[in-house]
C-alpha cells in the first residue's frame, strides 16, 4: 500500500516549483506591458483599447496552454 500522505507531499514538492515559476513569468509579462505602455501610447499612438488587447493576448496564451501544462506536470 502506498501512503497517501507521502504521495501527496511528493506531488506538491514536484508541482509547486513549476507553479511558482509560471506565476513569476506571468507577473513579469503583466508588469512589462504596464511599463511599456507608458512609452507606447505616445510613440505609437496607441489607445487604451489597443493596450488592453495586447494584455489580453497574454491571457489567451495562458488559457490555451493551461490544460496541456497541467497534464505534463501531473504525468511526470
C-alpha atoms as a PDB file:
ATOM      1  CA  UNK A   1       0.000   0.000   0.000  1.00  0.00           C
ATOM      2  CA  UNK A   2       1.136   3.489  -0.799  1.00  0.00           C
ATOM      3  CA  UNK A   3       0.910   6.083   1.934  1.00  0.00           C
ATOM      4  CA  UNK A   4      -1.428   8.749   0.528  1.00  0.00           C
ATOM      5  CA  UNK A   5       0.084  11.474   2.714  1.00  0.00           C
ATOM      6  CA  UNK A   6       3.612  10.775   1.475  1.00  0.00           C
ATOM      7  CA  UNK A   7       2.413  10.612  -2.112  1.00  0.00           C
ATOM      8  CA  UNK A   8       0.564  13.918  -1.743  1.00  0.00           C
ATOM      9  CA  UNK A   9       3.620  15.591  -0.217  1.00  0.00           C
ATOM     10  CA  UNK A  10       5.813  14.273  -3.025  1.00  0.00           C
ATOM     11  CA  UNK A  11       3.406  15.576  -5.659  1.00  0.00           C
ATOM     12  CA  UNK A  12       3.303  19.028  -4.056  1.00  0.00           C
ATOM     13  CA  UNK A  13       7.115  19.178  -3.930  1.00  0.00           C
ATOM     14  CA  UNK A  14       7.149  18.388  -7.638  1.00  0.00           C
ATOM     15  CA  UNK A  15       4.335  20.696  -8.742  1.00  0.00           C
ATOM     16  CA  UNK A  16       4.894  23.811  -6.626  1.00  0.00           C
ATOM     17  CA  UNK A  17       8.235  24.938  -8.119  1.00  0.00           C
ATOM     18  CA  UNK A  18       6.693  24.724 -11.602  1.00  0.00           C
ATOM     19  CA  UNK A  19       3.650  26.698 -10.460  1.00  0.00           C
ATOM     20  CA  UNK A  20       5.808  29.402  -8.877  1.00  0.00           C
ATOM     21  CA  UNK A  21       7.956  29.777 -11.998  1.00  0.00           C
ATOM     22  CA  UNK A  22       4.836  30.034 -14.171  1.00  0.00           C
ATOM     23  CA  UNK A  23       3.333  32.620 -11.797  1.00  0.00           C
ATOM     24  CA  UNK A  24       6.543  34.642 -11.818  1.00  0.00           C
ATOM     25  CA  UNK A  25       6.707  34.664 -15.619  1.00  0.00           C
ATOM     26  CA  UNK A  26       3.045  35.684 -15.858  1.00  0.00           C
ATOM     27  CA  UNK A  27       3.662  38.511 -13.390  1.00  0.00           C
ATOM     28  CA  UNK A  28       6.705  39.725 -15.337  1.00  0.00           C
ATOM     29  CA  UNK A  29       4.637  39.752 -18.555  1.00  0.00           C
ATOM     30  CA  UNK A  30       1.938  41.887 -16.959  1.00  0.00           C
ATOM     31  CA  UNK A  31       4.422  44.294 -15.409  1.00  0.00           C
ATOM     32  CA  UNK A  32       6.331  44.679 -18.683  1.00  0.00           C
ATOM     33  CA  UNK A  33       3.138  45.539 -20.575  1.00  0.00           C
ATOM     34  CA  UNK A  34       2.299  48.160 -17.942  1.00  0.00           C
ATOM     35  CA  UNK A  35       5.721  49.755 -18.086  1.00  0.00           C
ATOM     36  CA  UNK A  36       5.979  49.598 -21.869  1.00  0.00           C
ATOM     37  CA  UNK A  37       2.525  51.125 -22.258  1.00  0.00           C
ATOM     38  CA  UNK A  38       3.782  54.433 -20.895  1.00  0.00           C
ATOM     39  CA  UNK A  39       6.071  54.929 -23.884  1.00  0.00           C
ATOM     40  CA  UNK A  40       3.998  53.085 -26.486  1.00  0.00           C
ATOM     41  CA  UNK A  41       0.965  55.301 -26.022  1.00  0.00           C
ATOM     42  CA  UNK A  42       2.873  58.373 -27.113  1.00  0.00           C
ATOM     43  CA  UNK A  43       5.319  56.991 -29.658  1.00  0.00           C
ATOM     44  CA  UNK A  44       2.937  54.596 -31.447  1.00  0.00           C
ATOM     45  CA  UNK A  45      -0.293  56.473 -30.863  1.00  0.00           C
ATOM     46  CA  UNK A  46      -1.993  53.532 -29.149  1.00  0.00           C
ATOM     47  CA  UNK A  47      -5.258  53.870 -27.278  1.00  0.00           C
ATOM     48  CA  UNK A  48      -6.204  52.201 -24.030  1.00  0.00           C
ATOM     49  CA  UNK A  49      -8.244  49.661 -26.005  1.00  0.00           C
ATOM     50  CA  UNK A  50      -5.164  48.710 -28.043  1.00  0.00           C
ATOM     51  CA  UNK A  51      -3.144  48.186 -24.882  1.00  0.00           C
ATOM     52  CA  UNK A  52      -5.975  46.125 -23.395  1.00  0.00           C
ATOM     53  CA  UNK A  53      -5.917  43.905 -26.469  1.00  0.00           C
ATOM     54  CA  UNK A  54      -2.160  43.417 -26.094  1.00  0.00           C
ATOM     55  CA  UNK A  55      -2.601  42.396 -22.449  1.00  0.00           C
ATOM     56  CA  UNK A  56      -5.495  40.123 -23.420  1.00  0.00           C
ATOM     57  CA  UNK A  57      -3.303  38.251 -25.880  1.00  0.00           C
ATOM     58  CA  UNK A  58      -1.179  37.061 -22.947  1.00  0.00           C
ATOM     59  CA  UNK A  59      -4.328  35.805 -21.209  1.00  0.00           C
ATOM     60  CA  UNK A  60      -5.344  33.803 -24.284  1.00  0.00           C
ATOM     61  CA  UNK A  61      -1.935  32.107 -24.336  1.00  0.00           C
ATOM     62  CA  UNK A  62      -2.190  31.195 -20.660  1.00  0.00           C
ATOM     63  CA  UNK A  63      -5.730  29.911 -21.141  1.00  0.00           C
ATOM     64  CA  UNK A  64      -4.856  27.708 -24.111  1.00  0.00           C
ATOM     65  CA  UNK A  65      -1.705  26.257 -22.525  1.00  0.00           C
ATOM     66  CA  UNK A  66      -3.184  25.683 -19.063  1.00  0.00           C
ATOM     67  CA  UNK A  67      -4.574  22.196 -19.700  1.00  0.00           C
ATOM     68  CA  UNK A  68      -1.537  20.793 -21.576  1.00  0.00           C
ATOM     69  CA  UNK A  69       0.754  22.273 -18.933  1.00  0.00           C
ATOM     70  CA  UNK A  70      -1.203  20.634 -16.139  1.00  0.00           C
ATOM     71  CA  UNK A  71      -1.179  17.331 -17.986  1.00  0.00           C
ATOM     72  CA  UNK A  72       2.613  17.495 -18.422  1.00  0.00           C
ATOM     73  CA  UNK A  73       3.159  18.401 -14.766  1.00  0.00           C
ATOM     74  CA  UNK A  74       0.988  15.564 -13.498  1.00  0.00           C
ATOM     75  CA  UNK A  75       2.310  12.828 -15.786  1.00  0.00           C
ATOM     76  CA  UNK A  76       5.984  13.243 -14.925  1.00  0.00           C
END
